């Protein structure tokens, strides 16, 4: 199968090339992100592989249909960047990687919590400048602190396991409670309003759906404890960024650790150090000393990349052989 890979990074190409030795596909790697204008790069290919900041919208999918593309694979668990209805109408299958390493993302979220709480990013810069004072670096014990986990899927469960080792009190919210987590870790399922009001730390591990878009908005932020630490390693649009900035300015939020950003397309995964950041909202976020931003690297471990490559290429091979696509995603209601 001839596959066009969009928005590929130097660190992932060797992993896919090594894994492909067991599949025999012909892969063309493109640095270019997918959108309606770049979709024509798929000419001569049977399949397309995309990542989280590609835009497989109706226009791009219409181009794929004309080019004879038969399947789109996203090398991610989330698939909100793909117009599933347009793909179904075009007769193009869509597959994903439902699980690559929930531990990778959960551990990154824990890194953000610890760094923000103990002011590691600020202490590092201070010491490098030979300033060894401790003023302004006080944190709090996670032992006994209340941590709210929104979303108890694979990543949320991995996060709960980590937090239990710290001795935190864990409140959780999910429309589909997992009673096994209650029995194993003693978590308490509560409504969002209670989780907001009681948590010292809140970490987001839910998918981006219409009902979770801007889940953390001005109203939600107003219900949270003053000095709450807010972590997002899920999808950027789970948080209303302008509302978060207002809460930071008002001193209501003690820290924000963001591995994702709702307008990250064209920014994250790119080196902009020689230019000027054109996103005024992101630039404003970067001015806060209690905001720690990483460039969507939560997934970036050796184990996760190997799993992503293995599952993605297995998805293509299954399609080529006409087998049932266990990782296929379809429009809701289909």
Protein backbone atom coordinates (compact mmCIF):
# COMPACT_ATOMS: atom_id res chain seq x y z
CA UNK A 1 0.00 0.00 0.00
CA UNK A 2 1.28 3.47 -0.90
CA UNK A 3 0.86 5.80 2.06
CA UNK A 4 1.29 9.59 2.28
CA UNK A 5 2.34 10.65 5.79
CA UNK A 6 1.53 14.29 6.57
CA UNK A 7 3.11 16.53 9.23
CA UNK A 8 5.91 14.10 10.04
CA UNK A 9 8.70 14.91 12.44
CA UNK A 10 12.32 13.78 12.27
CA UNK A 11 12.02 11.76 15.49
CA UNK A 12 9.18 9.57 14.22
CA UNK A 13 10.39 8.68 10.73
CA UNK A 14 13.05 6.13 11.80
CA UNK A 15 10.53 4.40 14.05
CA UNK A 16 7.99 4.05 11.25
CA UNK A 17 10.67 2.93 8.78
CA UNK A 18 11.90 0.23 11.14
CA UNK A 19 8.38 -0.98 11.93
CA UNK A 20 7.38 -0.97 8.26
CA UNK A 21 9.99 -3.66 7.57
CA UNK A 22 7.39 -6.13 8.80
CA UNK A 23 4.61 -4.71 6.62
CA UNK A 24 6.17 -3.71 3.29
CA UNK A 25 4.20 -0.55 2.61
CA UNK A 26 5.60 2.26 0.48
CA UNK A 27 5.73 5.40 2.64
CA UNK A 28 6.21 8.99 1.52
CA UNK A 29 6.93 11.37 4.38
CA UNK A 30 5.84 15.00 4.08
CA UNK A 31 6.81 17.79 6.49
CA UNK A 32 3.72 19.67 5.34
CA UNK A 33 0.61 19.67 7.48
CA UNK A 34 -2.59 18.50 5.87
CA UNK A 35 -5.23 21.01 4.81
CA UNK A 36 -7.36 21.56 1.73
CA UNK A 37 -4.42 23.16 -0.10
CA UNK A 38 -1.89 20.42 0.64
CA UNK A 39 -4.21 17.43 0.17
CA UNK A 40 -3.05 17.10 -3.45
CA UNK A 41 0.27 15.76 -2.15
CA UNK A 42 -1.55 12.46 -1.71
CA UNK A 43 -1.73 11.98 -5.47
CA UNK A 44 -0.48 8.51 -6.36
CA UNK A 45 -1.13 7.13 -2.88
CA UNK A 46 -3.77 4.68 -1.68
CA UNK A 47 -3.83 5.90 1.91
CA UNK A 48 -3.08 8.90 4.09
CA UNK A 49 -1.69 9.15 7.61
CA UNK A 50 -2.31 12.31 9.68
CA UNK A 51 -1.58 13.67 13.13
CA UNK A 52 -3.42 15.87 15.62
CA UNK A 53 -2.75 19.26 13.99
CA UNK A 54 -3.61 18.17 10.47
CA UNK A 55 -6.95 19.33 9.14
CA UNK A 56 -8.77 16.50 7.41
CA UNK A 57 -11.87 18.57 6.78
CA UNK A 58 -14.55 18.10 4.13
CA UNK A 59 -12.53 19.99 1.52
CA UNK A 60 -9.40 17.88 2.05
CA UNK A 61 -11.42 14.67 2.08
CA UNK A 62 -13.15 15.70 -1.13
CA UNK A 63 -9.71 16.01 -2.72
CA UNK A 64 -8.75 12.58 -1.38
CA UNK A 65 -11.86 11.04 -2.94
CA UNK A 66 -10.88 12.45 -6.34
CA UNK A 67 -7.35 11.07 -5.90
CA UNK A 68 -8.58 7.59 -5.02
CA UNK A 69 -7.50 7.56 -1.38
CA UNK A 70 -9.23 4.65 0.36
CA UNK A 71 -8.27 5.00 4.02
CA UNK A 72 -7.14 7.70 6.45
CA UNK A 73 -5.21 6.73 9.58
CA UNK A 74 -4.54 9.12 12.41
CA UNK A 75 -1.51 8.25 14.50
CA UNK A 76 -3.33 9.46 17.61
CA UNK A 77 -6.16 8.38 19.87
CA UNK A 78 -8.18 11.55 19.25
CA UNK A 79 -9.86 12.05 15.89
CA UNK A 80 -11.63 15.41 16.19
CA UNK A 81 -9.35 16.75 13.40
CA UNK A 82 -11.05 14.44 10.88
CA UNK A 83 -14.50 15.07 9.41
CA UNK A 84 -15.90 11.60 9.90
CA UNK A 85 -19.17 12.34 8.13
CA UNK A 86 -17.35 13.62 5.05
CA UNK A 87 -15.08 10.56 5.06
CA UNK A 88 -18.05 8.19 5.32
CA UNK A 89 -19.83 9.99 2.47
CA UNK A 90 -16.67 9.68 0.35
CA UNK A 91 -16.35 5.98 1.12
CA UNK A 92 -13.05 6.50 2.92
CA UNK A 93 -12.37 4.44 6.05
CA UNK A 94 -10.88 6.15 9.12
CA UNK A 95 -8.74 4.32 11.68
CA UNK A 96 -6.88 5.47 14.76
CA UNK A 97 -4.52 4.34 17.53
CA UNK A 98 -6.84 3.93 20.54
CA UNK A 99 -4.02 3.29 22.98
CA UNK A 100 -0.30 3.88 22.58
CA UNK A 101 0.96 4.62 26.08
CA UNK A 102 -1.47 6.07 28.59
CA UNK A 103 1.43 6.07 31.03
CA UNK A 104 3.41 8.49 28.82
CA UNK A 105 0.69 11.14 28.94
CA UNK A 106 -0.17 10.59 32.60
CA UNK A 107 3.48 10.81 33.62
CA UNK A 108 3.86 14.05 31.67
CA UNK A 109 0.81 15.45 33.44
CA UNK A 110 2.42 14.50 36.75
CA UNK A 111 5.62 16.27 35.67
CA UNK A 112 3.63 19.45 35.06
CA UNK A 113 1.93 19.20 38.46
CA UNK A 114 5.22 18.75 40.30
CA UNK A 115 7.04 21.45 38.35
CA UNK A 116 4.30 24.02 38.92
CA UNK A 117 3.72 23.14 42.55
CA UNK A 118 7.41 23.24 43.50
CA UNK A 119 8.24 26.06 41.04
CA UNK A 120 10.94 23.96 39.38
CA UNK A 121 10.93 25.99 36.14
CA UNK A 122 11.44 29.21 38.08
CA UNK A 123 14.05 27.72 40.41
CA UNK A 124 16.04 26.37 37.46
CA UNK A 125 16.30 29.79 35.80
CA UNK A 126 17.05 31.49 39.12
CA UNK A 127 19.92 29.16 40.01
CA UNK A 128 21.40 29.44 36.52
CA UNK A 129 21.67 33.18 37.23
CA UNK A 130 23.39 32.41 40.58
CA UNK A 131 20.32 33.48 42.55
CA UNK A 132 19.98 30.88 45.30
CA UNK A 133 17.19 32.54 47.29
CA UNK A 134 14.02 30.60 48.05
CA UNK A 135 11.58 33.50 48.11
CA UNK A 136 8.43 32.73 46.12
CA UNK A 137 9.20 29.03 45.67
CA UNK A 138 6.93 27.51 48.33
CA UNK A 139 4.67 24.67 47.25
CA UNK A 140 2.41 22.23 49.10
CA UNK A 141 2.42 18.51 49.87
CA UNK A 142 0.57 16.39 47.36
CA UNK A 143 0.17 13.89 50.18
CA UNK A 144 -3.28 14.61 51.55
CA UNK A 145 -4.06 17.20 48.87
CA UNK A 146 -7.23 16.80 46.82
CA UNK A 147 -6.72 16.16 43.13
CA UNK A 148 -9.60 16.18 40.67
CA UNK A 149 -9.29 13.92 37.62
CA UNK A 150 -11.75 14.64 34.80
CA UNK A 151 -12.03 11.58 32.59
CA UNK A 152 -11.32 8.03 33.77
CA UNK A 153 -10.41 6.35 30.52
CA UNK A 154 -7.01 4.75 29.94
CA UNK A 155 -4.99 7.90 30.63
CA UNK A 156 -7.17 8.96 33.53
CA UNK A 157 -6.75 5.53 35.11
CA UNK A 158 -2.97 5.73 34.71
CA UNK A 159 -3.07 9.18 36.32
CA UNK A 160 -5.09 7.87 39.26
CA UNK A 161 -2.56 5.09 39.80
CA UNK A 162 0.27 7.65 39.96
CA UNK A 163 -1.63 9.97 42.29
CA UNK A 164 -2.49 7.12 44.64
CA UNK A 165 1.24 6.63 45.19
CA UNK A 166 1.50 10.23 46.37
CA UNK A 167 -1.24 9.71 48.94
CA UNK A 168 -3.57 12.30 47.41
CA UNK A 169 -7.31 12.31 47.90
CA UNK A 170 -8.68 11.68 44.42
CA UNK A 171 -12.00 13.01 43.17
CA UNK A 172 -13.07 11.95 39.70
CA UNK A 173 -15.70 12.82 37.15
CA UNK A 174 -16.78 10.74 34.17
CA UNK A 175 -20.24 10.17 32.68
CA UNK A 176 -19.45 6.43 32.79
CA UNK A 177 -18.10 5.60 36.27
CA UNK A 178 -15.61 2.77 36.67
CA UNK A 179 -16.44 1.02 39.94
CA UNK A 180 -13.19 -0.91 39.70
CA UNK A 181 -11.30 2.33 40.32
CA UNK A 182 -13.38 2.96 43.43
CA UNK A 183 -12.58 -0.49 44.78
CA UNK A 184 -8.88 -0.41 43.89
CA UNK A 185 -7.88 3.17 44.63
CA UNK A 186 -10.68 4.55 46.79
CA UNK A 187 -11.49 7.35 44.35
CA UNK A 188 -14.75 9.20 44.75
CA UNK A 189 -16.96 9.98 41.76
CA UNK A 190 -18.55 13.41 42.15
CA UNK A 191 -20.29 16.01 40.03
CA UNK A 192 -18.12 18.59 38.28
CA UNK A 193 -19.25 21.39 40.58
CA UNK A 194 -18.04 19.47 43.65
CA UNK A 195 -14.78 18.53 41.95
CA UNK A 196 -14.14 22.17 41.01
CA UNK A 197 -14.86 23.44 44.50
CA UNK A 198 -12.81 20.87 46.43
CA UNK A 199 -9.71 20.24 44.30
CA UNK A 200 -6.26 21.71 44.87
CA UNK A 201 -5.21 20.32 41.48
CA UNK A 202 -7.42 19.55 38.47
CA UNK A 203 -6.14 17.47 35.56
CA UNK A 204 -8.03 16.91 32.30
CA UNK A 205 -8.05 13.51 30.61
CA UNK A 206 -11.27 13.57 28.59
CA UNK A 207 -11.80 13.60 24.81
CA UNK A 208 -12.75 16.74 22.91
CA UNK A 209 -16.43 16.40 22.03
CA UNK A 210 -19.13 19.04 21.47
CA UNK A 211 -20.16 18.67 25.12
CA UNK A 212 -16.58 19.06 26.40
CA UNK A 213 -15.57 22.00 24.19
CA UNK A 214 -14.52 24.80 26.61
CA UNK A 215 -15.43 22.56 29.53
CA UNK A 216 -13.18 24.84 31.57
CA UNK A 217 -14.72 28.24 30.99
CA UNK A 218 -15.25 31.38 33.06
CA UNK A 219 -18.09 29.82 35.04
CA UNK A 220 -16.08 26.67 35.83
CA UNK A 221 -13.02 28.69 36.81
CA UNK A 222 -15.13 30.82 39.17
CA UNK A 223 -16.13 27.67 41.06
CA UNK A 224 -12.56 26.51 41.65
CA UNK A 225 -10.39 27.03 44.71
CA UNK A 226 -8.23 30.09 44.62
CA UNK A 227 -4.66 29.04 43.72
CA UNK A 228 -5.84 25.84 42.00
CA UNK A 229 -3.33 24.16 39.68
CA UNK A 230 -4.94 23.32 36.34
CA UNK A 231 -3.39 20.72 34.00
CA UNK A 232 -4.37 19.94 30.41
CA UNK A 233 -2.69 17.14 28.47
CA UNK A 234 -5.86 16.26 26.54
CA UNK A 235 -7.02 18.65 23.84
CA UNK A 236 -6.48 22.39 23.78
CA UNK A 237 -10.11 23.36 23.27
CA UNK A 238 -11.13 21.73 26.55
CA UNK A 239 -10.10 25.09 28.03
CA UNK A 240 -11.37 28.53 27.04
CA UNK A 241 -7.96 30.16 26.88
CA UNK A 242 -9.21 33.74 27.19
CA UNK A 243 -11.17 32.79 30.31
CA UNK A 244 -8.05 31.14 31.73
CA UNK A 245 -6.02 34.31 31.09
CA UNK A 246 -8.63 36.39 32.90
CA UNK A 247 -8.50 34.03 35.88
CA UNK A 248 -4.70 34.15 35.91
CA UNK A 249 -4.74 37.95 35.84
CA UNK A 250 -7.20 37.97 38.75
CA UNK A 251 -4.96 35.65 40.78
CA UNK A 252 -7.59 32.95 40.93
CA UNK A 253 -5.40 30.25 39.35
CA UNK A 254 -2.19 29.24 41.11
CA UNK A 255 -0.70 27.57 38.06
CA UNK A 256 -1.56 26.20 34.64
CA UNK A 257 0.33 23.34 32.99
CA UNK A 258 -0.61 23.06 29.34
CA UNK A 259 0.71 20.47 26.91
CA UNK A 260 -1.99 21.45 24.42
CA UNK A 261 -3.46 24.73 23.19
CA UNK A 262 -6.66 25.32 21.25
CA UNK A 263 -4.90 27.23 18.45
CA UNK A 264 -1.72 25.15 18.39
CA UNK A 265 -1.92 24.32 14.69
CA UNK A 266 0.98 25.95 12.87
CA UNK A 267 2.79 26.66 16.15
CA UNK A 268 3.39 23.43 18.05
CA UNK A 269 5.91 21.05 16.43
CA UNK A 270 7.57 24.01 14.65
CA UNK A 271 10.69 26.04 15.41
CA UNK A 272 9.59 29.69 15.48
CA UNK A 273 12.63 30.91 17.39
CA UNK A 274 13.93 32.96 14.48
CA UNK A 275 10.63 34.72 13.86
CA UNK A 276 7.85 36.43 15.76
CA UNK A 277 4.96 34.70 17.47
CA UNK A 278 1.82 35.94 15.75
CA UNK A 279 -0.66 34.43 18.24
CA UNK A 280 -1.37 37.21 20.74
CA UNK A 281 -3.31 34.92 23.09
CA UNK A 282 -0.47 32.39 23.33
CA UNK A 283 2.02 35.24 23.72
CA UNK A 284 -0.02 36.55 26.67
CA UNK A 285 -0.06 33.10 28.29
CA UNK A 286 3.72 32.93 28.03
CA UNK A 287 4.07 36.11 30.12
CA UNK A 288 2.77 34.40 33.29
CA UNK A 289 5.46 32.92 35.52
CA UNK A 290 2.96 30.39 36.87
CA UNK A 291 2.11 29.01 33.42
CA UNK A 292 4.16 26.11 32.09
CA UNK A 293 3.60 25.22 28.43
CA UNK A 294 5.03 22.24 26.57
CA UNK A 295 4.54 21.65 22.87
CA UNK A 296 2.19 18.63 22.82
CA UNK A 297 4.97 16.28 23.90
CA UNK A 298 3.01 14.21 26.39
CA UNK A 299 2.97 11.22 24.03
CA UNK A 300 6.69 11.44 23.28
CA UNK A 301 8.32 8.35 24.75
CA UNK A 302 10.13 5.52 22.98
CA UNK A 303 7.46 3.06 24.01
CA UNK A 304 4.60 5.25 22.79
CA UNK A 305 6.20 5.92 19.40
CA UNK A 306 6.79 2.20 18.84
CA UNK A 307 3.18 1.44 19.74
CA UNK A 308 1.89 4.23 17.48
CA UNK A 309 3.94 2.95 14.55
CA UNK A 310 2.98 -0.67 15.16
CA UNK A 311 -0.76 0.00 15.43
CA UNK A 312 -0.88 2.50 12.55
CA UNK A 313 0.89 0.22 10.10
CA UNK A 314 -1.14 -2.79 11.30
CA UNK A 315 -4.29 -0.75 10.58
CA UNK A 316 -3.12 -0.20 7.00
CA UNK A 317 -2.20 -3.86 6.57
CA UNK A 318 -5.59 -5.00 7.87
CA UNK A 319 -7.33 -2.69 5.40
CA UNK A 320 -5.15 -3.95 2.55
CA UNK A 321 -6.04 -7.57 3.38
CA UNK A 322 -9.74 -6.76 3.64
CA UNK A 323 -9.90 -7.67 7.33
CA UNK A 324 -12.21 -6.18 9.93
CA UNK A 325 -10.85 -2.81 11.08
CA UNK A 326 -10.87 -3.09 14.87
CA UNK A 327 -9.65 0.51 15.23
CA UNK A 328 -12.09 2.08 12.79
CA UNK A 329 -14.00 5.20 13.85
CA UNK A 330 -17.27 6.26 12.28
CA UNK A 331 -19.67 9.18 12.58
CA UNK A 332 -21.90 8.99 15.64
CA UNK A 333 -25.10 7.13 14.91
CA UNK A 334 -23.64 5.10 12.03
